[in-house]
Protein backbone atom coordinates (compact mmCIF):
# COMPACT_ATOMS: atom_id res chain seq x y z
CA MET A 1 27.67 -0.40 24.90
CA SER A 2 28.83 1.89 22.07
CA GLN A 3 26.94 5.41 22.31
CA ASP A 4 26.10 5.70 18.60
CA ILE A 5 23.19 3.59 19.00
CA ARG A 6 21.29 5.56 21.97
CA ASP A 7 19.28 8.23 21.08
CA LEU A 8 19.26 8.24 17.60
CA THR A 9 16.62 10.22 15.50
CA VAL A 10 13.93 8.66 13.59
CA GLU A 11 15.27 9.14 10.71
CA ILE A 12 19.38 8.06 11.60
CA ALA A 13 17.33 4.47 12.92
CA ARG A 14 15.16 4.20 9.85
CA GLY A 15 18.07 4.58 7.42
CA ARG A 16 20.32 1.77 10.18
CA MET A 17 17.55 -0.04 9.43
CA LEU A 18 16.23 0.08 5.72
CA ALA A 19 20.07 -0.36 5.00
CA ALA A 20 19.95 -3.52 6.92
CA ALA A 21 17.10 -4.94 4.84
CA VAL A 22 17.40 -7.65 2.77
CA ALA A 23 15.40 -8.35 -0.26
CA SER A 24 12.47 -11.14 -0.03
CA GLY A 25 12.95 -12.76 -3.54
CA SER A 26 10.01 -13.22 -6.14
CA GLU A 27 7.60 -15.53 -6.99
CA THR A 28 5.36 -16.31 -9.93
CA VAL A 29 1.51 -16.12 -9.10
CA ALA A 30 -1.71 -16.14 -10.83
CA LEU A 31 -3.45 -12.50 -11.82
CA GLU A 32 -6.30 -12.62 -9.78
CA ALA A 33 -3.94 -14.25 -6.57
CA ALA A 34 -1.79 -10.88 -7.00
CA ILE A 35 -3.82 -8.20 -5.80
CA GLY A 36 -1.97 -6.13 -2.71
CA ARG A 37 1.69 -7.87 -3.87
CA VAL A 38 4.35 -5.78 -4.87
CA LEU A 39 5.71 -6.30 -8.71
CA ALA A 40 9.34 -7.52 -9.42
CA GLU A 41 9.31 -8.05 -13.05
CA PRO A 42 7.78 -5.14 -15.79
CA VAL A 43 4.50 -5.76 -16.71
CA THR A 44 4.92 -4.87 -20.88
CA ALA A 45 1.44 -5.42 -22.73
CA LEU A 46 1.43 -8.33 -25.10
CA ARG A 47 -0.66 -6.82 -27.98
CA ASP A 48 -1.94 -3.15 -28.73
CA GLN A 49 -5.42 -1.76 -27.44
CA PRO A 50 -7.76 -1.63 -28.46
CA PRO A 51 -5.94 -4.04 -31.51
CA PHE A 52 -8.46 -2.39 -34.12
CA ASP A 53 -9.78 0.42 -34.44
CA ALA A 54 -13.40 0.95 -32.45
CA SER A 55 -16.59 2.30 -32.27
CA ALA A 56 -16.95 4.36 -28.92
CA MET A 57 -20.74 4.63 -29.69
CA ASP A 58 -23.41 2.35 -30.99
CA GLY A 59 -24.59 3.91 -34.47
CA TRP A 60 -23.31 3.05 -38.53
CA ALA A 61 -19.67 3.46 -39.50
CA VAL A 62 -20.00 5.53 -42.73
CA SER A 63 -17.52 5.69 -45.88
CA GLY A 64 -17.07 9.33 -47.51
CA PRO A 65 -19.32 11.86 -47.22
CA GLY A 66 -23.00 12.32 -48.05
CA ASP A 67 -26.33 11.91 -45.88
CA GLY A 68 -27.58 8.32 -46.95
CA PHE A 69 -25.44 5.28 -47.11
CA ARG A 70 -26.11 1.44 -48.56
CA ILE A 71 -25.97 -0.74 -45.77
CA MET A 72 -23.53 -3.50 -45.76
CA GLY A 73 -24.01 -5.55 -42.76
CA GLU A 74 -23.28 -5.32 -39.23
CA SER A 75 -20.05 -4.90 -36.89
CA ALA A 76 -20.76 -6.20 -32.99
CA ALA A 77 -18.29 -6.90 -30.21
CA GLY A 78 -16.19 -10.11 -31.05
CA HIS A 79 -17.94 -10.24 -34.35
CA GLY A 80 -16.52 -7.62 -36.79
CA TYR A 81 -17.65 -7.22 -39.98
CA HIS A 82 -14.04 -6.71 -41.76
CA ALA A 83 -14.45 -6.30 -45.44
CA PRO A 84 -13.10 -2.71 -46.64
CA LEU A 85 -15.73 -0.33 -47.36
CA ALA A 86 -16.07 1.86 -50.01
CA ALA A 87 -17.45 5.19 -50.76
CA GLY A 88 -21.33 5.63 -49.86
CA GLN A 89 -21.39 2.77 -47.65
CA ALA A 90 -22.06 1.74 -44.21
CA VAL A 91 -22.30 -0.52 -41.67
CA ARG A 92 -23.98 -0.85 -38.24
CA VAL A 93 -21.89 -0.59 -35.24
CA PHE A 94 -22.04 -1.48 -32.05
CA THR A 95 -20.17 0.35 -28.54
CA GLY A 96 -16.63 -1.28 -28.76
CA ALA A 97 -16.73 -3.34 -32.02
CA PRO A 98 -14.22 -2.82 -35.04
CA VAL A 99 -14.79 -0.66 -37.38
CA PRO A 100 -14.44 -1.48 -40.52
CA PRO A 101 -11.60 -0.82 -43.06
CA GLY A 102 -12.29 2.36 -44.88
CA ALA A 103 -15.13 3.54 -42.95
CA ASP A 104 -13.97 7.33 -41.57
CA ARG A 105 -16.05 8.19 -39.01
CA VAL A 106 -19.15 6.54 -37.00
CA VAL A 107 -22.81 8.29 -37.16
CA ILE A 108 -24.40 7.84 -33.67
CA GLN A 109 -27.98 6.00 -34.14
CA GLU A 110 -29.75 9.25 -32.27
CA VAL A 111 -29.08 11.11 -35.93
CA ALA A 112 -29.32 7.95 -37.76
CA VAL A 113 -32.84 6.75 -40.48
CA ARG A 114 -32.99 3.22 -40.97
CA GLU A 115 -34.68 3.08 -44.84
CA GLY A 116 -34.93 -0.61 -46.05
CA ALA A 117 -30.62 -0.86 -47.34
CA VAL A 118 -30.46 2.42 -47.31
CA VAL A 119 -29.14 4.50 -43.64
CA ARG A 120 -29.42 8.24 -43.72
CA THR A 121 -28.44 11.07 -41.40
CA SER A 122 -28.91 14.68 -41.07
CA GLU A 123 -25.19 14.66 -39.68
CA THR A 124 -22.23 15.71 -42.05
CA GLY A 125 -19.39 15.88 -40.02
CA GLY A 126 -18.52 16.72 -36.04
CA SER A 127 -16.93 13.44 -34.39
CA LYS A 128 -15.80 10.21 -35.70
CA HIS A 129 -16.70 8.15 -32.30
CA ILE A 130 -13.53 6.41 -33.57
CA ARG A 131 -11.22 4.56 -30.82
CA PRO A 132 -7.52 3.77 -32.50
CA ARG A 133 -6.14 0.92 -32.38
CA GLY A 134 -3.46 1.23 -29.97
CA GLY A 135 -4.84 4.18 -28.29
CA ASP A 136 -4.54 2.98 -25.04
CA PHE A 137 -1.61 1.26 -25.38
CA ARG A 138 1.24 -0.25 -28.06
CA GLU A 139 2.09 -3.52 -27.88
CA GLY A 140 5.58 -3.90 -26.02
CA ALA A 141 4.71 -0.54 -23.37
CA VAL A 142 6.08 -1.29 -20.44
CA LEU A 143 2.49 -0.55 -18.06
CA LEU A 144 3.48 -1.16 -14.71
CA GLN A 145 7.34 -0.49 -13.15
CA PRO A 146 8.54 -3.15 -10.45
CA GLY A 147 8.13 -2.07 -6.51
CA LEU A 148 4.29 -0.86 -7.21
CA ARG A 149 1.62 -2.73 -5.23
CA LEU A 150 -1.09 -4.05 -6.95
CA ASP A 151 -3.92 -2.51 -6.21
CA PRO A 152 -7.57 -3.31 -8.45
CA TRP A 153 -7.13 -0.66 -10.92
CA ARG A 154 -3.51 -1.55 -11.50
CA LEU A 155 -4.74 -5.35 -11.75
CA SER A 156 -7.31 -3.83 -14.51
CA LEU A 157 -4.30 -2.64 -16.52
CA ALA A 158 -2.61 -5.97 -16.00
CA ALA A 159 -5.15 -8.20 -17.65
CA SER A 160 -5.98 -5.46 -20.33
CA ALA A 161 -2.18 -5.99 -21.33
CA GLY A 162 -2.91 -10.40 -21.58
CA ARG A 163 -1.24 -10.92 -18.30
CA ALA A 164 -2.27 -13.90 -16.79
CA ALA A 165 0.15 -14.52 -13.70
CA LEU A 166 2.50 -11.72 -12.55
CA VAL A 167 5.82 -11.98 -11.14
CA VAL A 168 6.01 -10.73 -7.24
CA ALA A 169 7.73 -10.07 -4.45
CA ARG A 170 7.34 -12.83 -1.99
CA ARG A 171 6.18 -12.47 0.78
CA PRO A 172 8.18 -11.69 4.38
CA LYS A 173 7.57 -13.90 6.94
CA VAL A 174 7.53 -12.02 9.94
CA VAL A 175 7.69 -13.54 13.80
CA VAL A 176 5.51 -11.87 16.44
CA LEU A 177 6.48 -12.59 19.95
CA SER A 178 4.79 -10.70 22.64
CA THR A 179 6.80 -10.57 26.12
CA GLY A 180 6.03 -10.20 29.61
CA GLU A 181 4.06 -12.10 32.91
CA GLU A 182 1.01 -9.90 32.93
CA ILE A 183 0.11 -10.34 28.90
CA VAL A 184 -2.55 -13.09 28.47
CA PRO A 185 -4.60 -13.83 24.28
CA ALA A 186 -8.05 -12.86 24.39
CA GLY A 187 -10.15 -14.74 25.10
CA ALA A 188 -8.50 -16.99 28.01
CA PRO A 189 -8.40 -16.52 32.13
CA ILE A 190 -6.98 -13.77 33.55
CA GLY A 191 -6.05 -12.58 36.51
CA PRO A 192 -6.54 -9.55 39.04
CA ASP A 193 -3.30 -8.17 37.67
CA GLN A 194 -2.91 -9.08 33.41
CA ILE A 195 -4.19 -7.63 30.62
CA TYR A 196 -5.25 -8.82 27.36
CA ASP A 197 -2.63 -9.10 24.56
CA SER A 198 -3.79 -6.36 21.85
CA GLY A 199 -0.56 -5.66 20.63
CA SER A 200 -0.05 -9.30 18.64
CA PRO A 201 -3.05 -9.66 16.85
CA THR A 202 -2.48 -6.08 16.01
CA LEU A 203 0.79 -6.24 14.61
CA ALA A 204 0.02 -9.10 12.51
CA ALA A 205 -3.02 -7.11 10.74
CA LEU A 206 -0.24 -5.27 10.21
CA VAL A 207 1.69 -7.39 8.80
CA ALA A 208 -0.44 -9.14 6.50
CA ALA A 209 -1.51 -5.48 5.19
CA TRP A 210 2.10 -4.52 4.34
CA GLY A 211 2.58 -7.66 2.06
CA GLY A 212 3.98 -9.68 5.02
CA GLU A 213 3.20 -13.36 5.96
CA PRO A 214 2.71 -12.91 10.07
CA ARG A 215 3.17 -15.94 12.17
CA ARG A 216 2.28 -15.38 16.07
CA LEU A 217 4.02 -16.57 18.82
CA ALA A 218 2.66 -18.27 21.71
CA ILE A 219 3.19 -15.39 24.58
CA ALA A 220 6.62 -15.16 26.61
CA GLY A 221 6.49 -14.32 29.91
CA ASP A 222 9.51 -12.87 32.11
CA ASP A 223 11.70 -15.79 31.11
CA ALA A 224 15.18 -15.29 29.31
CA ALA A 225 15.61 -18.37 28.14
CA ALA A 226 11.73 -18.69 26.91
CA ILE A 227 11.98 -15.84 24.60
CA ARG A 228 15.83 -17.02 23.54
CA ASP A 229 14.67 -20.06 22.63
CA ALA A 230 10.51 -19.31 20.89
CA VAL A 231 13.10 -16.67 18.77
CA ARG A 232 16.03 -19.61 17.56
CA ASP A 233 12.93 -21.94 16.72
CA ALA A 234 10.48 -19.56 14.76
CA GLY A 235 12.36 -19.23 11.59
CA GLY A 236 11.14 -15.95 9.78
CA ASP A 237 12.84 -13.32 7.81
CA LEU A 238 11.83 -10.68 10.26
CA VAL A 239 11.42 -11.39 14.15
CA VAL A 240 9.40 -8.61 15.99
CA THR A 241 9.23 -8.39 19.72
CA LEU A 242 6.71 -6.25 21.81
CA GLY A 243 7.93 -5.43 25.13
CA GLY A 244 10.96 -6.28 27.16
CA ALA A 245 12.49 -3.04 25.29
CA SER A 246 13.40 -0.54 28.33
CA VAL A 247 15.83 -1.36 31.39
CA GLY A 248 13.62 -2.51 34.32
CA ASP A 249 15.14 -5.80 35.78
CA HIS A 250 11.76 -7.73 34.06
CA ASP A 251 13.32 -6.58 30.35
CA LEU A 252 14.52 -9.51 28.97
CA VAL A 253 14.24 -9.23 25.68
CA LYS A 254 17.85 -7.72 23.99
CA PRO A 255 19.87 -10.09 27.12
CA ALA A 256 18.36 -13.01 26.20
CA LEU A 257 18.69 -12.65 22.14
CA SER A 258 22.25 -11.68 22.87
CA GLU A 259 22.58 -15.31 23.69
CA LEU A 260 21.87 -16.12 19.09
CA GLY A 261 24.41 -13.05 18.48
CA LEU A 262 22.15 -10.09 18.55
CA ASP A 263 24.16 -7.24 16.93
CA LEU A 264 22.10 -3.71 17.86
CA SER A 265 22.30 -0.98 15.23
CA VAL A 266 19.58 0.66 17.04
CA GLU A 267 19.14 0.43 20.92
CA THR A 268 17.04 3.76 21.98
CA LEU A 269 15.60 7.12 20.27
CA LYS A 270 14.70 10.36 20.44
CA LEU A 271 11.02 9.61 19.75
CA ARG A 272 7.73 10.24 21.50
CA PRO A 273 6.28 8.10 22.43
CA GLY A 274 8.41 4.81 21.22
CA LYS A 275 12.26 5.81 23.00
CA PRO A 276 12.83 1.91 23.47
CA THR A 277 13.17 1.03 20.25
CA TRP A 278 15.87 -0.76 19.16
CA PHE A 279 16.82 -2.99 15.93
CA GLY A 280 19.60 -5.29 15.05
CA VAL A 281 20.70 -8.53 13.40
CA LEU A 282 20.80 -12.09 14.39
CA ASP A 283 23.80 -14.47 13.71
CA ASP A 284 21.99 -16.46 11.58
CA GLY A 285 21.14 -13.16 9.73
CA ARG A 286 17.45 -12.32 10.53
CA ARG A 287 16.57 -9.20 11.08
CA VAL A 288 14.91 -8.39 14.92
CA LEU A 289 12.72 -5.29 15.32
CA GLY A 290 11.74 -4.56 19.18
CA LEU A 291 8.95 -2.53 19.63
CA PRO A 292 7.98 -0.98 23.40
CA GLY A 293 4.93 -3.17 25.01
CA ASN A 294 2.86 0.10 25.38
CA PRO A 295 0.24 -0.33 22.60
CA ALA A 296 -0.01 2.88 20.98
CA SER A 297 3.89 3.19 21.53
CA ALA A 298 3.95 -0.01 19.52
CA LEU A 299 1.95 0.87 16.76
CA VAL A 300 3.69 4.16 16.21
CA CYS A 301 6.71 2.24 15.76
CA ALA A 302 5.20 0.13 13.45
CA GLU A 303 4.45 2.75 11.21
CA LEU A 304 7.71 4.42 11.43
CA PHE A 305 9.73 1.45 11.27
CA LEU A 306 8.04 -1.53 10.52
CA ARG A 307 6.08 -0.39 7.21
CA PRO A 308 9.06 0.62 5.49
CA LEU A 309 11.43 -2.39 6.43
CA LEU A 310 8.44 -4.45 4.75
CA MET A 311 8.41 -2.41 1.80
CA LYS A 312 11.77 -1.96 1.34
CA MET A 313 12.05 -6.07 1.62
CA GLN A 314 9.19 -6.34 -1.10
CA GLY A 315 11.62 -3.80 -3.15
CA ALA A 316 8.31 -0.58 -2.61
CA ALA A 317 9.57 2.42 -1.94
CA PRO A 318 9.84 2.36 2.11
CA GLY A 319 8.32 5.70 2.86
CA PRO A 320 6.60 7.05 4.72
CA ALA A 321 4.91 9.43 2.93
CA LEU A 322 4.22 12.52 4.70
CA LEU A 323 0.98 15.10 3.66
CA THR A 324 1.20 18.63 4.95
CA ALA A 325 -1.75 19.77 6.89
CA ARG A 326 -3.09 22.78 8.93
CA LEU A 327 -4.28 22.45 12.50
CA ALA A 328 -7.78 22.86 13.99
CA LYS A 329 -6.21 24.33 16.82
CA PRO A 330 -2.97 24.38 18.57
CA LEU A 331 0.26 22.44 19.81
CA PRO A 332 2.10 23.12 22.37
CA ALA A 333 5.73 23.28 22.13
CA ASN A 334 7.74 19.66 21.87
CA GLY A 335 10.44 18.27 23.90
CA PRO A 336 13.76 17.22 22.64
CA ARG A 337 12.29 13.98 21.40
CA GLU A 338 10.20 13.92 18.24
CA HIS A 339 7.27 13.30 18.77
CA TRP A 340 4.37 11.99 16.79
CA ALA A 341 0.42 12.44 17.88
CA ARG A 342 -2.06 11.14 16.99
CA ALA A 343 -4.92 12.54 15.48
CA ARG A 344 -7.91 12.99 13.87
CA SER A 345 -8.09 15.11 10.52
CA GLU A 346 -11.16 16.31 8.62
CA VAL A 347 -11.71 18.10 5.20
CA ARG A 348 -13.07 21.32 4.60
CA ASP A 349 -12.70 24.49 2.83
CA GLY A 350 -10.81 22.88 0.27
CA GLY A 351 -8.03 21.62 2.86
CA LEU A 352 -6.62 18.83 5.13
CA PHE A 353 -7.26 19.55 9.19
CA VAL A 354 -5.60 17.99 11.76
CA GLU A 355 -6.67 17.65 15.68
CA ALA A 356 -4.15 16.15 18.09
CA MET A 357 -6.18 14.02 20.61
CA THR A 358 -6.33 15.25 23.77
CA ASP A 359 -4.97 12.71 25.79
CA GLN A 360 -1.78 11.41 24.02
CA ASP A 361 -0.66 8.18 26.79
CA SER A 362 0.85 5.44 25.37
CA SER A 363 -1.41 3.01 26.84
CA LEU A 364 -4.50 4.03 25.35
CA VAL A 365 -5.85 2.04 22.80
CA SER A 366 -9.13 3.52 22.53
CA VAL A 367 -7.38 6.53 21.58
CA PHE A 368 -5.83 5.13 18.27
CA ALA A 369 -8.69 3.78 17.42
CA GLN A 370 -10.46 6.96 16.62
CA ALA A 371 -7.29 8.59 15.68
CA ASP A 372 -6.97 8.38 11.15
CA VAL A 373 -3.45 10.35 10.78
CA LEU A 374 -0.25 11.34 13.13
CA ILE A 375 1.14 14.86 13.76
CA ARG A 376 4.92 14.83 13.37
CA CYS A 377 6.11 17.14 15.92
CA PRO A 378 10.04 17.70 15.42
CA ILE A 379 12.22 17.94 18.26
CA ASN A 380 12.01 21.35 20.40
CA ALA A 381 9.69 22.61 17.46
CA PRO A 382 8.04 25.51 19.18
CA ALA A 383 4.19 26.10 19.85
CA ALA A 384 2.04 26.20 16.75
CA GLU A 385 -1.37 27.96 16.08
CA ALA A 386 -4.38 27.12 14.88
CA GLY A 387 -4.06 27.33 10.81
CA ASP A 388 -0.37 26.71 10.94
CA LEU A 389 0.78 23.72 8.55
CA VAL A 390 2.40 20.75 9.90
CA GLU A 391 3.42 17.39 8.62
CA VAL A 392 1.04 14.43 9.32
CA LEU A 393 1.28 10.65 8.29
CA ARG A 394 -2.25 8.79 7.20
CA LEU A 395 -3.21 5.80 8.64
CA ASP A 396 -5.22 3.41 6.54
CA ARG A 397 -8.67 3.04 8.16
CA LEU A 398 -10.99 0.59 6.14
C-alpha cells in the first residue's frame, strides 16, 4: 500500500477528508424548525425595520418649538395616529408606536404635564427619542449569509425580516457502527471480559449537535462479514466506525470494507491520541471515517475530523477554530506526534488559562467528562512553562 496515506499530519489528513466531502443538499423548513441548521440561501429583508418612524419612549410626539401643545389624539403600538401634525400640536405616543408625520421629537412623559387639551413641558430640546424608519435594516438588505448556523439571535433576525420559512442544508445522514466482541450496549447483560459501549451513543449525540442525523447500528463483533453487511445495507451519507482501526488480528473493519471498494486516502496519523484514524470512500460514494475504539481517542478525533466534515457537508466553515490561552501549569516536551491534551480552563485576570489533566490515558472517559478544552501540542514542541501561550480548542459543554 502506498506510504503517502500513512503517518499524515492532522492538517494534511483533514484537508484530504474535507476535499472528499460532498454537500448534503438543501430543504425548506419552518422558521421554528430551523434552530441549529445551516443556512443554504441568503435571508433578505421583506421591508424596512422599523417600517415607520417609531417612538423610543412613552411620552408625547410634538411638532415645532414651544412649551405648550394642543393634544390631537393618541398613537399606540399597532394603532397609530397617521394625520400630519401642524406646529404646536401633540399626540400621546407609546414606545414602539408610529410617530405621526410632522412630529419632530418625542417629549418623554416624565417632563410633560397634561392640562386639559394641552400638554406642557419644560423640555425645549435634547434627544428626539425617535427610531427612524429603516434604522435597523432596509427592505432588500441581506441580513444573513449562507453557511451561518442559526442560533436564537439569528433566528430572531430572520423573523424580524418577515421570514416564515428558511432554506437550510439538509442534515447529513451519519451511520455510527461500534465494533468488537468486548462491547455491549449499556443496560444489556454483560460478561466479566466485556465493557459498556460509551463510544457510539456519544458519537451519535455529537452528530446531532453538529447538525447531522445519526443512526446507530447494532454492535458488530469481530466478524468481517457482519461488518461488511452492516455497512453495505446501512445507507447514509457518511459512515463512522469505532474500533477495529489498528493492525491487530481482530482489527477487521478496513479488510471488511475493502470488499465494498474502500479507497483509502488516510490510513494513519501523526496524532496522539488517535494514530489509527483513517478515511476513505466506498464504491457507492459514501465516505467512511474510521475512529479508534478508545473513547478519548474517538472523541478527540471527532472534534478534529468529524465536526469539520459535517460542517463542510452543510456548507458551513469547517474549522476547527482555535483560541489562544496561557498555561496555568507547565507542559512537558512533546514527541513526534501532535498531541491534543484534555484540559480544564479558567478565566482569570482578564485572560483564559488552561491546565492539562494529569492522566491523558486514551481509555479514560472520566477525564474527558471533566475537560472543557483541548490543548494543541505541536510535533516535537519543547517544554512550556506556566504563563506560556498555547493554542486550544474549546469543547461545547452545556
